[in-house]
Structure formats: structure tokens, C-alpha cells
Protein backbone atom coordinates (compact mmCIF):
# COMPACT_ATOMS: atom_id res chain seq x y z
CA MET A 1 0.00 0.00 0.00
CA ASN A 2 1.41 3.41 -0.88
CA VAL A 3 1.46 6.34 1.52
CA LYS A 4 -1.54 8.11 -0.04
CA GLU A 5 -3.70 4.97 0.11
CA LEU A 6 -2.66 4.33 3.70
CA PHE A 7 -3.56 7.84 4.88
CA ASP A 8 -6.80 7.87 2.89
CA LYS A 9 -7.81 4.53 4.41
CA HIS A 10 -7.18 5.78 7.95
CA GLU A 11 -8.03 9.46 7.56
CA ASN A 12 -10.36 9.55 10.59
CA GLU A 13 -8.10 7.62 12.96
CA PHE A 14 -6.83 10.80 14.60
CA LEU A 15 -10.27 10.98 16.21
CA ASN A 16 -9.63 7.64 17.94
CA TYR A 17 -6.50 8.47 19.91
CA ARG A 18 -8.44 8.09 23.17
CA ALA A 19 -9.42 4.55 22.16
CA ASP A 20 -5.77 3.44 22.14
CA PRO A 21 -4.68 2.54 25.70
CA SER A 22 -1.02 2.51 24.67
CA LEU A 23 -1.24 6.28 24.07
CA GLU A 24 -2.61 7.19 27.48
CA ASP A 25 -0.47 9.63 29.44
CA LYS A 26 1.94 10.14 26.55
CA VAL A 27 2.91 13.33 24.77
CA HIS A 28 1.83 12.43 21.28
CA ASP A 29 4.45 14.54 19.52
CA PHE A 30 7.18 12.55 21.22
CA VAL A 31 5.57 9.24 20.24
CA VAL A 32 5.79 10.38 16.61
CA PHE A 33 9.32 11.78 16.91
CA GLU A 34 10.59 8.64 18.66
CA SER A 35 9.12 6.44 15.96
CA LEU A 36 10.43 8.44 13.02
CA VAL A 37 13.87 9.66 14.10
CA LYS A 38 15.59 6.59 12.61
CA PHE A 39 14.18 7.50 9.18
CA VAL A 40 15.70 11.00 8.98
CA LYS A 41 17.14 11.60 5.50
CA ARG A 42 20.00 13.81 6.68
CA GLY A 43 20.31 16.59 9.19
CA SER A 44 17.38 17.33 11.45
CA LEU A 45 14.07 15.51 11.95
CA VAL A 46 12.27 18.81 11.37
CA SER A 47 12.80 20.14 7.86
CA ASN A 48 10.62 23.23 8.05
CA LEU A 49 8.19 25.10 10.23
CA ALA A 50 5.26 27.03 8.87
CA TYR A 51 2.32 28.64 10.56
CA GLU A 52 1.03 25.96 12.96
CA GLU A 53 2.72 23.10 11.05
CA ILE A 54 5.92 21.07 11.42
CA TYR A 55 7.31 19.38 8.29
CA LEU A 56 9.30 16.23 8.96
CA ASN A 57 12.46 15.30 7.09
CA VAL A 58 12.06 11.54 6.82
CA ASP A 59 12.02 9.04 3.99
CA VAL A 60 8.25 8.60 3.66
CA ALA A 61 8.46 5.48 1.48
CA GLU A 62 10.87 3.80 3.88
CA VAL A 63 8.63 4.57 6.85
CA VAL A 64 5.53 3.15 5.16
CA ASN A 65 7.42 0.08 3.95
CA THR A 66 9.10 -0.58 7.32
CA LEU A 67 6.44 0.12 9.92
CA SER A 68 3.36 -2.06 10.20
CA GLU A 69 -0.04 -0.67 9.32
CA ASP A 70 -0.93 -0.78 13.03
CA ASP A 71 2.16 1.31 13.84
CA MET A 72 1.16 3.82 11.17
CA VAL A 73 -2.38 4.01 12.56
CA LYS A 74 -0.91 4.78 16.00
CA LEU A 75 1.12 7.64 14.48
CA ILE A 76 -1.95 8.95 12.66
CA ARG A 77 -3.82 8.87 15.98
CA CYS A 78 -1.00 10.99 17.39
CA GLY A 79 -1.52 13.64 14.70
CA LEU A 80 0.79 12.57 11.87
CA ARG A 81 -0.52 13.62 8.45
CA TYR A 82 0.80 13.30 4.92
CA SER A 83 1.07 16.38 2.70
CA ASP A 84 0.48 15.67 -0.99
CA GLU A 85 1.63 19.16 -1.80
CA HIS A 86 5.00 18.83 -0.06
CA GLU A 87 5.29 15.02 -0.25
CA CYS A 88 6.24 14.71 3.39
CA PHE A 89 4.82 14.01 6.83
CA VAL A 90 3.35 17.00 8.65
CA MET A 91 2.06 17.66 12.16
CA PHE A 92 0.16 20.58 13.66
CA THR A 93 1.98 22.47 16.39
């Protein structure tokens, strides 16, 4: 499954973060950062900041091909989004 299909399939999962007991009492941004830091292309995990958004500098294809669909759903529940326009992962600040 490609990244677009994956995020389209689970587009409403961010509404279910309370249904995931493994996310209780966790700072969701750090769950995402911890999971993605090993996929940084080069330099920093954060590639850009824009008004209320953080753009992540990771190899999107490698993330989707390496992590399980359940792991990706957990990250989506934590606020991870995919930007078609910028072809990268994005989070709200």
C-alpha cells in the first residue's frame, strides 16, 4: 500500500487516539518523533516550520514500507498527516 492509500484509508483515525490505551499519558508529539527519528534523511528531523505546522524530514516510502499498518495508525492517531503538496509528513503544532 502506498502512503496516499494508507492515509486515505485511515483518515479519521486521529479521532480515535483516546481509544488506544497505549497512548494514554503520553505526549503524542514525542511518540511520533521517537518512531520516526531513525528514518531522517539527513540533518534534522524537522525540515521546516510554517504557521502551525511542522514538516518532517524523513524518507516517507521507507517509513511506510518498514512500519506495520498498526504502527502507522498509531502515528496517525498521534496527529501525523501526509502532505500531498509537499510530499512529506506534517504535524500541527
